[in-house]
Amino acid sequence: MSLNGCYNRTPLRDTAIVQSGWYDQGCTRKPEMVVIDVPMSKTCVYQRDKKDDPKCAGCKHLEN
């Protein structure tokens, strides 16, 4: 049996650095990087419907 992808993973960060375009610097183009809020849920979503998912057994994110 394989486990869910979030099993005991490190907590998600609140922000991320992503590319939003390009800017010219002399004769080269550089990526324009911006900070955004991470839109993903910080809580476990596997347990919303099923509280007895065997793939969650022993996970540190398990909500009681």
Protein backbone atom coordinates (compact mmCIF):
# COMPACT_ATOMS: atom_id res chain seq x y z
CA MET A 1 0.00 0.00 0.00
CA SER A 2 1.35 3.42 -0.92
CA LEU A 3 0.82 6.43 1.31
CA ASN A 4 -0.75 9.78 0.41
CA GLY A 5 1.59 12.38 -1.09
CA CYS A 6 1.42 14.64 1.97
CA TYR A 7 2.24 11.88 4.46
CA ASN A 8 4.52 13.45 7.12
CA ARG A 9 5.70 16.15 4.70
CA THR A 10 7.16 19.38 6.01
CA PRO A 11 4.61 22.19 6.45
CA LEU A 12 3.98 24.42 3.46
CA ARG A 13 5.49 27.87 3.46
CA ASP A 14 3.25 30.94 3.52
CA THR A 15 4.95 32.57 0.51
CA ALA A 16 6.74 31.48 -2.66
CA ILE A 17 9.02 33.23 -5.17
CA VAL A 18 7.76 32.83 -8.75
CA GLN A 19 8.53 34.28 -12.15
CA SER A 20 6.07 36.88 -13.46
CA GLY A 21 7.81 37.90 -16.67
CA TRP A 22 11.07 39.18 -18.09
CA TYR A 23 13.03 42.43 -18.09
CA ASP A 24 15.89 43.56 -20.31
CA GLN A 25 19.29 44.13 -18.80
CA GLY A 26 21.62 45.33 -21.49
CA CYS A 27 21.61 42.72 -24.26
CA THR A 28 20.18 39.93 -22.09
CA ARG A 29 16.79 39.17 -20.61
CA LYS A 30 16.44 38.41 -16.90
CA PRO A 31 13.47 36.79 -15.19
CA GLU A 32 11.32 39.11 -13.09
CA MET A 33 10.71 37.36 -9.77
CA VAL A 34 7.91 38.25 -7.34
CA VAL A 35 6.76 36.98 -3.94
CA ILE A 36 3.22 35.53 -3.78
CA ASP A 37 1.10 33.94 -1.07
CA VAL A 38 0.95 30.13 -1.39
CA PRO A 39 -2.65 29.31 -2.37
CA MET A 40 -2.56 25.67 -1.25
CA SER A 41 -4.38 24.52 1.88
CA LYS A 42 -2.21 24.27 4.98
CA THR A 43 -4.45 21.67 6.56
CA CYS A 44 -5.00 18.04 5.60
CA VAL A 45 -7.59 17.67 2.83
CA TYR A 46 -7.51 13.86 2.63
CA GLN A 47 -9.52 13.67 5.85
CA ARG A 48 -12.43 15.88 4.82
CA ASP A 49 -14.61 12.99 3.68
CA LYS A 50 -12.97 9.91 5.17
CA LYS A 51 -11.66 9.88 8.73
CA ASP A 52 -10.41 6.29 8.48
CA ASP A 53 -8.16 6.44 5.39
CA PRO A 54 -5.51 3.71 5.87
CA LYS A 55 -3.04 5.79 3.84
CA CYS A 56 -3.16 8.41 6.62
CA ALA A 57 -2.48 6.02 9.51
CA GLY A 58 0.44 7.32 11.58
CA CYS A 59 0.75 10.64 9.75
CA LYS A 60 1.84 13.59 11.89
CA HIS A 61 -0.84 15.76 10.22
CA LEU A 62 -3.66 13.45 11.28
CA GLU A 63 -6.50 15.43 12.81
CA ASN A 64 -8.37 13.74 15.62
